[in-house]
Amino acid sequence: DEGVINFRHVLFLIILSSLINTLTKLFLYIDKVRDIDGKEVDALNFIQSYLTGDILGGIAFVIIVLKLLLPFLRNRKLV
């Protein structure tokens, strides 16, 4: 099936990139929060909120691109 988007692969890539992004933010923000105000970051709440936001943002981005950008490119005969 050439030319067909496999949404399972797209969803996997969204989840993988969200996980990497969230863990990177966690490791970077833990040191900065402790240095500024002495509070500690609750890792579970941090991962939960950021991972949910990143996954939903990735899915919304893909839907917007598929619904808005692809018809525009097809009308211009670029795809």
PDB file of N, CA and C in Angstrom:
ATOM      1  N   ASP A   1       0.832  -1.196   0.000  1.00  0.00           N
ATOM      2  CA  ASP A   1       0.000   0.000   0.000  1.00  0.00           C
ATOM      3  C   ASP A   1       0.871   1.251   0.000  1.00  0.00           C
ATOM      4  N   GLU A   2       1.423   1.574  -1.126  1.00  0.00           N
ATOM      5  CA  GLU A   2       2.257   2.768  -1.215  1.00  0.00           C
ATOM      6  C   GLU A   2       1.391   4.016  -1.214  1.00  0.00           C
ATOM      7  N   GLY A   3       1.873   5.053  -0.588  1.00  0.00           N
ATOM      8  CA  GLY A   3       1.155   6.313  -0.548  1.00  0.00           C
ATOM      9  C   GLY A   3       0.067   6.394   0.502  1.00  0.00           C
ATOM     10  N   VAL A   4      -0.095   5.355   1.315  1.00  0.00           N
ATOM     11  CA  VAL A   4      -1.119   5.353   2.353  1.00  0.00           C
ATOM     12  C   VAL A   4      -0.435   5.576   3.697  1.00  0.00           C
ATOM     13  N   ILE A   5      -0.981   6.487   4.484  1.00  0.00           N
ATOM     14  CA  ILE A   5      -0.415   6.778   5.797  1.00  0.00           C
ATOM     15  C   ILE A   5      -0.912   5.743   6.791  1.00  0.00           C
ATOM     16  N   ASN A   6       0.006   5.115   7.496  1.00  0.00           N
ATOM     17  CA  ASN A   6      -0.349   4.160   8.535  1.00  0.00           C
ATOM     18  C   ASN A   6      -0.427   4.933   9.858  1.00  0.00           C
ATOM     19  N   PHE A   7      -1.644   5.138  10.347  1.00  0.00           N
ATOM     20  CA  PHE A   7      -1.837   5.970  11.531  1.00  0.00           C
ATOM     21  C   PHE A   7      -1.283   5.325  12.793  1.00  0.00           C
ATOM     22  N   ARG A   8      -1.154   4.018  12.815  1.00  0.00           N
ATOM     23  CA  ARG A   8      -0.526   3.372  13.978  1.00  0.00           C
ATOM     24  C   ARG A   8       0.932   3.791  14.095  1.00  0.00           C
ATOM     25  N   HIS A   9       1.615   3.887  12.961  1.00  0.00           N
ATOM     26  CA  HIS A   9       3.011   4.323  12.987  1.00  0.00           C
ATOM     27  C   HIS A   9       3.113   5.790  13.392  1.00  0.00           C
ATOM     28  N   VAL A  10       2.203   6.599  12.884  1.00  0.00           N
ATOM     29  CA  VAL A  10       2.199   8.020  13.242  1.00  0.00           C
ATOM     30  C   VAL A  10       1.929   8.187  14.732  1.00  0.00           C
ATOM     31  N   LEU A  11       0.968   7.446  15.260  1.00  0.00           N
ATOM     32  CA  LEU A  11       0.656   7.524  16.687  1.00  0.00           C
ATOM     33  C   LEU A  11       1.835   7.055  17.538  1.00  0.00           C
ATOM     34  N   PHE A  12       2.513   5.995  17.103  1.00  0.00           N
ATOM     35  CA  PHE A  12       3.699   5.526  17.825  1.00  0.00           C
ATOM     36  C   PHE A  12       4.781   6.604  17.843  1.00  0.00           C
ATOM     37  N   LEU A  13       5.007   7.257  16.712  1.00  0.00           N
ATOM     38  CA  LEU A  13       6.027   8.299  16.656  1.00  0.00           C
ATOM     39  C   LEU A  13       5.651   9.504  17.516  1.00  0.00           C
ATOM     40  N   ILE A  14       4.363   9.825  17.575  1.00  0.00           N
ATOM     41  CA  ILE A  14       3.911  10.920  18.441  1.00  0.00           C
ATOM     42  C   ILE A  14       4.180  10.574  19.902  1.00  0.00           C
ATOM     43  N   ILE A  15       3.838   9.363  20.305  1.00  0.00           N
ATOM     44  CA  ILE A  15       4.046   8.947  21.695  1.00  0.00           C
ATOM     45  C   ILE A  15       5.529   8.883  22.023  1.00  0.00           C
ATOM     46  N   LEU A  16       6.340   8.353  21.115  1.00  0.00           N
ATOM     47  CA  LEU A  16       7.783   8.262  21.352  1.00  0.00           C
ATOM     48  C   LEU A  16       8.408   9.646  21.480  1.00  0.00           C
ATOM     49  N   SER A  17       8.075  10.549  20.573  1.00  0.00           N
ATOM     50  CA  SER A  17       8.650  11.895  20.653  1.00  0.00           C
ATOM     51  C   SER A  17       8.151  12.638  21.894  1.00  0.00           C
ATOM     52  N   SER A  18       6.908  12.399  22.288  1.00  0.00           N
ATOM     53  CA  SER A  18       6.379  13.025  23.507  1.00  0.00           C
ATOM     54  C   SER A  18       7.099  12.513  24.747  1.00  0.00           C
ATOM     55  N   LEU A  19       7.362  11.228  24.781  1.00  0.00           N
ATOM     56  CA  LEU A  19       8.069  10.647  25.925  1.00  0.00           C
ATOM     57  C   LEU A  19       9.490  11.193  26.026  1.00  0.00           C
ATOM     58  N   ILE A  20      10.187  11.250  24.903  1.00  0.00           N
ATOM     59  CA  ILE A  20      11.550  11.790  24.903  1.00  0.00           C
ATOM     60  C   ILE A  20      11.538  13.257  25.316  1.00  0.00           C
ATOM     61  N   ASN A  21      10.598  14.024  24.788  1.00  0.00           N
ATOM     62  CA  ASN A  21      10.487  15.442  25.112  1.00  0.00           C
ATOM     63  C   ASN A  21      10.183  15.648  26.594  1.00  0.00           C
ATOM     64  N   THR A  22       9.261  14.860  27.141  1.00  0.00           N
ATOM     65  CA  THR A  22       8.885  14.993  28.548  1.00  0.00           C
ATOM     66  C   THR A  22      10.041  14.625  29.470  1.00  0.00           C
ATOM     67  N   LEU A  23      10.733  13.543  29.179  1.00  0.00           N
ATOM     68  CA  LEU A  23      11.861  13.149  30.027  1.00  0.00           C
ATOM     69  C   LEU A  23      12.994  14.165  29.958  1.00  0.00           C
ATOM     70  N   THR A  24      13.214  14.735  28.781  1.00  0.00           N
ATOM     71  CA  THR A  24      14.236  15.773  28.653  1.00  0.00           C
ATOM     72  C   THR A  24      13.864  16.993  29.487  1.00  0.00           C
ATOM     73  N   LYS A  25      12.610  17.413  29.419  1.00  0.00           N
ATOM     74  CA  LYS A  25      12.153  18.546  30.232  1.00  0.00           C
ATOM     75  C   LYS A  25      12.291  18.242  31.718  1.00  0.00           C
ATOM     76  N   LEU A  26      11.963  17.020  32.114  1.00  0.00           N
ATOM     77  CA  LEU A  26      12.056  16.648  33.526  1.00  0.00           C
ATOM     78  C   LEU A  26      13.487  16.779  34.023  1.00  0.00           C
ATOM     79  N   PHE A  27      14.440  16.237  33.282  1.00  0.00           N
ATOM     80  CA  PHE A  27      15.835  16.290  33.721  1.00  0.00           C
ATOM     81  C   PHE A  27      16.380  17.714  33.715  1.00  0.00           C
ATOM     82  N   LEU A  28      15.919  18.532  32.782  1.00  0.00           N
ATOM     83  CA  LEU A  28      16.393  19.912  32.745  1.00  0.00           C
ATOM     84  C   LEU A  28      15.741  20.769  33.824  1.00  0.00           C
ATOM     85  N   TYR A  29      14.463  20.576  34.088  1.00  0.00           N
ATOM     86  CA  TYR A  29      13.736  21.428  35.023  1.00  0.00           C
ATOM     87  C   TYR A  29      13.976  21.068  36.482  1.00  0.00           C
ATOM     88  N   ILE A  30      14.357  19.842  36.786  1.00  0.00           N
ATOM     89  CA  ILE A  30      14.566  19.456  38.188  1.00  0.00           C
ATOM     90  C   ILE A  30      15.642  20.325  38.823  1.00  0.00           C
ATOM     91  N   ASP A  31      16.749  20.524  38.136  1.00  0.00           N
ATOM     92  CA  ASP A  31      17.831  21.332  38.699  1.00  0.00           C
ATOM     93  C   ASP A  31      17.443  22.801  38.807  1.00  0.00           C
ATOM     94  N   LYS A  32      16.735  23.329  37.828  1.00  0.00           N
ATOM     95  CA  LYS A  32      16.388  24.745  37.842  1.00  0.00           C
ATOM     96  C   LYS A  32      15.373  25.066  38.929  1.00  0.00           C
ATOM     97  N   VAL A  33      14.422  24.183  39.180  1.00  0.00           N
ATOM     98  CA  VAL A  33      13.413  24.445  40.205  1.00  0.00           C
ATOM     99  C   VAL A  33      14.037  24.390  41.590  1.00  0.00           C
ATOM    100  N   ARG A  34      14.917  23.463  41.832  1.00  0.00           N
ATOM    101  CA  ARG A  34      15.555  23.373  43.154  1.00  0.00           C
ATOM    102  C   ARG A  34      16.430  24.590  43.428  1.00  0.00           C
ATOM    103  N   ASP A  35      17.084  25.104  42.394  1.00  0.00           N
ATOM    104  CA  ASP A  35      17.973  26.241  42.597  1.00  0.00           C
ATOM    105  C   ASP A  35      17.213  27.540  42.831  1.00  0.00           C
ATOM    106  N   ILE A  36      16.052  27.680  42.229  1.00  0.00           N
ATOM    107  CA  ILE A  36      15.346  28.963  42.296  1.00  0.00           C
ATOM    108  C   ILE A  36      14.587  29.133  43.609  1.00  0.00           C
ATOM    109  N   ASP A  37      13.691  28.193  43.918  1.00  0.00           N
ATOM    110  CA  ASP A  37      12.840  28.413  45.090  1.00  0.00           C
ATOM    111  C   ASP A  37      12.888  27.289  46.115  1.00  0.00           C
ATOM    112  N   GLY A  38      13.769  26.346  45.977  1.00  0.00           N
ATOM    113  CA  GLY A  38      13.923  25.300  46.965  1.00  0.00           C
ATOM    114  C   GLY A  38      12.878  24.210  46.930  1.00  0.00           C
ATOM    115  N   LYS A  39      11.882  24.321  46.060  1.00  0.00           N
ATOM    116  CA  LYS A  39      10.855  23.286  45.959  1.00  0.00           C
ATOM    117  C   LYS A  39      11.380  22.104  45.160  1.00  0.00           C
ATOM    118  N   GLU A  40      10.810  20.960  45.439  1.00  0.00           N
ATOM    119  CA  GLU A  40      11.167  19.773  44.666  1.00  0.00           C
ATOM    120  C   GLU A  40      10.066  19.471  43.668  1.00  0.00           C
ATOM    121  N   VAL A  41      10.459  18.919  42.545  1.00  0.00           N
ATOM    122  CA  VAL A  41       9.504  18.568  41.502  1.00  0.00           C
ATOM    123  C   VAL A  41       8.982  17.169  41.777  1.00  0.00           C
ATOM    124  N   ASP A  42       7.660  17.021  41.789  1.00  0.00           N
ATOM    125  CA  ASP A  42       7.064  15.697  41.886  1.00  0.00           C
ATOM    126  C   ASP A  42       7.114  15.086  40.491  1.00  0.00           C
ATOM    127  N   ALA A  43       7.992  14.123  40.309  1.00  0.00           N
ATOM    128  CA  ALA A  43       8.266  13.584  38.980  1.00  0.00           C
ATOM    129  C   ALA A  43       7.034  12.947  38.348  1.00  0.00           C
ATOM    130  N   LEU A  44       6.235  12.252  39.136  1.00  0.00           N
ATOM    131  CA  LEU A  44       5.067  11.570  38.579  1.00  0.00           C
ATOM    132  C   LEU A  44       4.035  12.568  38.055  1.00  0.00           C
ATOM    133  N   ASN A  45       3.752  13.610  38.823  1.00  0.00           N
ATOM    134  CA  ASN A  45       2.808  14.636  38.360  1.00  0.00           C
ATOM    135  C   ASN A  45       3.355  15.398  37.161  1.00  0.00           C
ATOM    136  N   PHE A  46       4.651  15.668  37.189  1.00  0.00           N
ATOM    137  CA  PHE A  46       5.279  16.381  36.080  1.00  0.00           C
ATOM    138  C   PHE A  46       5.169  15.576  34.788  1.00  0.00           C
ATOM    139  N   ILE A  47       5.542  14.297  34.849  1.00  0.00           N
ATOM    140  CA  ILE A  47       5.488  13.441  33.662  1.00  0.00           C
ATOM    141  C   ILE A  47       4.053  13.283  33.191  1.00  0.00           C
ATOM    142  N   GLN A  48       3.139  13.108  34.124  1.00  0.00           N
ATOM    143  CA  GLN A  48       1.732  12.916  33.775  1.00  0.00           C
ATOM    144  C   GLN A  48       1.179  14.124  33.017  1.00  0.00           C
ATOM    145  N   SER A  49       1.425  15.301  33.521  1.00  0.00           N
ATOM    146  CA  SER A  49       0.849  16.488  32.881  1.00  0.00           C
ATOM    147  C   SER A  49       1.547  16.820  31.570  1.00  0.00           C
ATOM    148  N   TYR A  50       2.861  16.760  31.542  1.00  0.00           N
ATOM    149  CA  TYR A  50       3.574  17.101  30.321  1.00  0.00           C
ATOM    150  C   TYR A  50       3.381  16.056  29.234  1.00  0.00           C
ATOM    151  N   LEU A  51       3.363  14.783  29.593  1.00  0.00           N
ATOM    152  CA  LEU A  51       3.189  13.727  28.596  1.00  0.00           C
ATOM    153  C   LEU A  51       1.804  13.806  27.967  1.00  0.00           C
ATOM    154  N   THR A  52       0.787  14.047  28.781  1.00  0.00           N
ATOM    155  CA  THR A  52      -0.569  14.189  28.246  1.00  0.00           C
ATOM    156  C   THR A  52      -0.652  15.372  27.287  1.00  0.00           C
ATOM    157  N   GLY A  53      -0.083  16.483  27.681  1.00  0.00           N
ATOM    158  CA  GLY A  53      -0.106  17.668  26.824  1.00  0.00           C
ATOM    159  C   GLY A  53       0.658  17.475  25.530  1.00  0.00           C
ATOM    160  N   ASP A  54       1.810  16.828  25.613  1.00  0.00           N
ATOM    161  CA  ASP A  54       2.607  16.593  24.410  1.00  0.00           C
ATOM    162  C   ASP A  54       1.915  15.641  23.446  1.00  0.00           C
ATOM    163  N   ILE A  55       1.301  14.591  23.964  1.00  0.00           N
ATOM    164  CA  ILE A  55       0.604  13.631  23.096  1.00  0.00           C
ATOM    165  C   ILE A  55      -0.603  14.296  22.438  1.00  0.00           C
ATOM    166  N   LEU A  56      -1.404  15.011  23.225  1.00  0.00           N
ATOM    167  CA  LEU A  56      -2.573  15.690  22.650  1.00  0.00           C
ATOM    168  C   LEU A  56      -2.160  16.764  21.648  1.00  0.00           C
ATOM    169  N   GLY A  57      -1.095  17.470  21.943  1.00  0.00           N
ATOM    170  CA  GLY A  57      -0.599  18.477  21.005  1.00  0.00           C
ATOM    171  C   GLY A  57      -0.100  17.861  19.713  1.00  0.00           C
ATOM    172  N   GLY A  58       0.587  16.726  19.811  1.00  0.00           N
ATOM    173  CA  GLY A  58       1.058  16.040  18.609  1.00  0.00           C
ATOM    174  C   GLY A  58      -0.078  15.527  17.753  1.00  0.00           C
ATOM    175  N   ILE A  59      -1.094  14.961  18.393  1.00  0.00           N
ATOM    176  CA  ILE A  59      -2.255  14.456  17.647  1.00  0.00           C
ATOM    177  C   ILE A  59      -2.999  15.619  16.992  1.00  0.00           C
ATOM    178  N   ALA A  60      -3.175  16.712  17.720  1.00  0.00           N
ATOM    179  CA  ALA A  60      -3.859  17.878  17.148  1.00  0.00           C
ATOM    180  C   ALA A  60      -3.077  18.438  15.962  1.00  0.00           C
ATOM    181  N   PHE A  61      -1.764  18.484  16.074  1.00  0.00           N
ATOM    182  CA  PHE A  61      -0.932  18.981  14.978  1.00  0.00           C
ATOM    183  C   PHE A  61      -1.082  18.115  13.737  1.00  0.00           C
ATOM    184  N   VAL A  62      -1.053  16.798  13.910  1.00  0.00           N
ATOM    185  CA  VAL A  62      -1.185  15.891  12.768  1.00  0.00           C
ATOM    186  C   VAL A  62      -2.559  16.039  12.124  1.00  0.00           C
ATOM    187  N   ILE A  63      -3.599  16.150  12.927  1.00  0.00           N
ATOM    188  CA  ILE A  63      -4.952  16.304  12.376  1.00  0.00           C
ATOM    189  C   ILE A  63      -5.072  17.617  11.604  1.00  0.00           C
ATOM    190  N   ILE A  64      -4.524  18.689  12.152  1.00  0.00           N
ATOM    191  CA  ILE A  64      -4.587  19.982  11.466  1.00  0.00           C
ATOM    192  C   ILE A  64      -3.832  19.928  10.145  1.00  0.00           C
ATOM    193  N   VAL A  65      -2.665  19.319  10.153  1.00  0.00           N
ATOM    194  CA  VAL A  65      -1.891  19.209   8.912  1.00  0.00           C
ATOM    195  C   VAL A  65      -2.639  18.385   7.884  1.00  0.00           C
ATOM    196  N   LEU A  66      -3.216  17.267   8.309  1.00  0.00           N
ATOM    197  CA  LEU A  66      -3.919  16.404   7.359  1.00  0.00           C
ATOM    198  C   LEU A  66      -5.188  17.057   6.826  1.00  0.00           C
ATOM    199  N   LYS A  67      -5.907  17.797   7.657  1.00  0.00           N
ATOM    200  CA  LYS A  67      -7.177  18.387   7.240  1.00  0.00           C
ATOM    201  C   LYS A  67      -7.011  19.704   6.485  1.00  0.00           C
ATOM    202  N   LEU A  68      -6.016  20.498   6.832  1.00  0.00           N
ATOM    203  CA  LEU A  68      -5.880  21.817   6.234  1.00  0.00           C
ATOM    204  C   LEU A  68      -4.786  21.905   5.175  1.00  0.00           C
ATOM    205  N   LEU A  69      -3.633  21.343   5.476  1.00  0.00           N
ATOM    206  CA  LEU A  69      -2.496  21.527   4.582  1.00  0.00           C
ATOM    207  C   LEU A  69      -2.558  20.628   3.355  1.00  0.00           C
ATOM    208  N   LEU A  70      -2.941  19.373   3.519  1.00  0.00           N
ATOM    209  CA  LEU A  70      -2.966  18.464   2.376  1.00  0.00           C
ATOM    210  C   LEU A  70      -3.958  18.890   1.295  1.00  0.00           C
ATOM    211  N   PRO A  71      -5.196  19.282   1.622  1.00  0.00           N
ATOM    212  CA  PRO A  71      -6.079  19.766   0.547  1.00  0.00           C
ATOM    213  C   PRO A  71      -5.529  21.012  -0.156  1.00  0.00           C
ATOM    214  N   PHE A  72      -4.887  21.888   0.599  1.00  0.00           N
ATOM    215  CA  PHE A  72      -4.277  23.076   0.002  1.00  0.00           C
ATOM    216  C   PHE A  72      -3.186  22.683  -0.987  1.00  0.00           C
ATOM    217  N   LEU A  73      -2.341  21.733  -0.601  1.00  0.00           N
ATOM    218  CA  LEU A  73      -1.264  21.293  -1.486  1.00  0.00           C
ATOM    219  C   LEU A  73      -1.802  20.537  -2.693  1.00  0.00           C
ATOM    220  N   ARG A  74      -2.869  19.782  -2.509  1.00  0.00           N
ATOM    221  CA  ARG A  74      -3.469  19.059  -3.635  1.00  0.00           C
ATOM    222  C   ARG A  74      -4.096  20.024  -4.633  1.00  0.00           C
ATOM    223  N   ASN A  75      -4.720  21.087  -4.154  1.00  0.00           N
ATOM    224  CA  ASN A  75      -5.299  22.087  -5.054  1.00  0.00           C
ATOM    225  C   ASN A  75      -4.228  22.793  -5.874  1.00  0.00           C
ATOM    226  N   ARG A  76      -3.071  22.975  -5.295  1.00  0.00           N
ATOM    227  CA  ARG A  76      -1.957  23.617  -5.989  1.00  0.00           C
ATOM    228  C   ARG A  76      -1.131  22.615  -6.802  1.00  0.00           C
ATOM    229  N   LYS A  77      -1.535  21.342  -6.753  1.00  0.00           N
ATOM    230  CA  LYS A  77      -0.867  20.237  -7.459  1.00  0.00           C
ATOM    231  C   LYS A  77       0.601  20.103  -7.049  1.00  0.00           C
ATOM    232  N   LEU A  78       0.860  20.314  -5.748  1.00  0.00           N
ATOM    233  CA  LEU A  78       2.203  20.134  -5.210  1.00  0.00           C
ATOM    234  C   LEU A  78       2.403  18.741  -4.640  1.00  0.00           C
ATOM    235  N   VAL A  79       1.305  18.024  -4.393  1.00  0.00           N
ATOM    236  CA  VAL A  79       1.389  16.655  -3.875  1.00  0.00           C
ATOM    237  C   VAL A  79       0.650  15.745  -4.815  1.00  0.00           C
TER     238      VAL A  79
END
